[in-house]
Amino acid sequence: MISQDEVDEIGIQVSMDDEIITSYGIGGKEHSFSKRIEEIQVGDFILKDVYIDFTSFKYHNINGLLGLDILTEGKFAIDLKEFKLLRS
């Protein structure tokens, strides 16, 4: 999930063809839209032709969240002592 504010200037905006998604969690209800993206890169890991959700984050200093689907696909590990994302 990526903040809509972070992608406006590169032309990623909601359109009538996008699926609208409602998520529920501790913070309540959130709405986002899902859009097919040709390519996204996290470090040296590249995903092609994936659907990414975009929303407006209500939290300070958070511009996106990596889901478990991306973390497992990229074989990432999280170093909680150093707060770093590692590739195995």
Protein backbone atom coordinates (compact mmCIF):
# COMPACT_ATOMS: atom_id res chain seq x y z
CA MET A 1 0.00 0.00 0.00
CA ILE A 2 1.43 3.35 -1.05
CA SER A 3 0.35 6.87 -0.14
CA GLN A 4 -1.60 8.55 -2.93
CA ASP A 5 0.21 11.80 -2.11
CA GLU A 6 3.55 10.21 -3.01
CA VAL A 7 2.51 9.19 -6.55
CA ASP A 8 0.34 12.10 -7.72
CA GLU A 9 3.22 13.83 -9.49
CA ILE A 10 4.10 10.72 -11.54
CA GLY A 11 0.52 10.41 -12.77
CA ILE A 12 -0.84 7.55 -10.67
CA GLN A 13 -4.40 8.60 -9.86
CA VAL A 14 -7.67 6.83 -9.30
CA SER A 15 -9.77 6.13 -12.40
CA MET A 16 -13.17 4.57 -13.07
CA ASP A 17 -11.49 1.27 -14.02
CA ASP A 18 -9.77 0.83 -10.63
CA GLU A 19 -11.13 -1.47 -7.94
CA ILE A 20 -12.04 0.34 -4.71
CA ILE A 21 -11.04 -1.58 -1.57
CA THR A 22 -12.21 -1.10 2.01
CA SER A 23 -9.87 -2.31 4.78
CA TYR A 24 -10.63 -2.59 8.49
CA GLY A 25 -8.07 -2.48 11.28
CA ILE A 26 -7.15 -0.94 14.61
CA GLY A 27 -7.41 2.57 13.16
CA GLY A 28 -10.89 1.94 11.78
CA LYS A 29 -11.98 1.81 8.14
CA GLU A 30 -9.69 2.83 5.25
CA HIS A 31 -10.49 3.14 1.54
CA SER A 32 -7.97 2.60 -1.25
CA PHE A 33 -7.87 1.88 -4.94
CA SER A 34 -5.98 -0.94 -6.64
CA LYS A 35 -4.07 -0.33 -9.86
CA ARG A 36 -1.86 -2.55 -12.05
CA ILE A 37 1.70 -1.25 -12.04
CA GLU A 38 4.20 -2.29 -14.71
CA GLU A 39 7.12 -2.46 -12.30
CA ILE A 40 7.97 -1.67 -8.69
CA GLN A 41 11.39 -1.96 -7.09
CA VAL A 42 12.28 -2.53 -3.43
CA GLY A 43 16.06 -2.37 -3.09
CA ASP A 44 17.40 -4.72 -5.76
CA PHE A 45 14.15 -6.73 -5.91
CA ILE A 46 11.86 -5.96 -8.88
CA LEU A 47 8.23 -7.03 -9.25
CA LYS A 48 6.57 -6.73 -12.66
CA ASP A 49 2.89 -6.43 -13.54
CA VAL A 50 1.56 -6.29 -9.98
CA TYR A 51 -1.50 -4.73 -8.42
CA ILE A 52 -0.70 -2.13 -5.78
CA ASP A 53 -3.16 -0.41 -3.44
CA PHE A 54 -3.02 3.37 -3.04
CA THR A 55 -4.58 5.36 -0.21
CA SER A 56 -4.18 8.55 1.80
CA PHE A 57 -2.32 7.72 5.00
CA LYS A 58 -3.57 9.50 8.12
CA TYR A 59 -0.33 8.81 9.96
CA HIS A 60 2.71 11.08 10.14
CA ASN A 61 5.93 9.88 8.46
CA ILE A 62 4.33 6.79 6.87
CA ASN A 63 4.29 6.79 3.06
CA GLY A 64 3.63 3.11 2.47
CA LEU A 65 3.37 -0.38 3.86
CA LEU A 66 4.93 -3.54 2.45
CA GLY A 67 2.61 -6.52 2.63
CA LEU A 68 3.58 -10.05 3.49
CA ASP A 69 2.98 -11.02 -0.16
CA ILE A 70 5.87 -8.77 -1.29
CA LEU A 71 8.10 -9.65 1.68
CA THR A 72 7.79 -13.39 1.04
CA GLU A 73 8.07 -13.09 -2.75
CA GLY A 74 11.31 -11.11 -2.37
CA LYS A 75 12.60 -13.43 0.38
CA PHE A 76 13.02 -10.47 2.73
CA ALA A 77 13.91 -10.67 6.41
CA ILE A 78 13.40 -7.89 8.92
CA ASP A 79 16.23 -7.03 11.30
CA LEU A 80 14.25 -5.66 14.26
CA LYS A 81 17.37 -4.64 16.18
CA GLU A 82 18.64 -2.39 13.35
CA PHE A 83 15.22 -1.74 11.76
CA LYS A 84 16.51 -2.85 8.34
CA LEU A 85 15.02 -4.87 5.53
CA LEU A 86 17.36 -7.66 4.36
CA ARG A 87 17.27 -10.04 1.39
CA SER A 88 18.15 -13.66 2.10
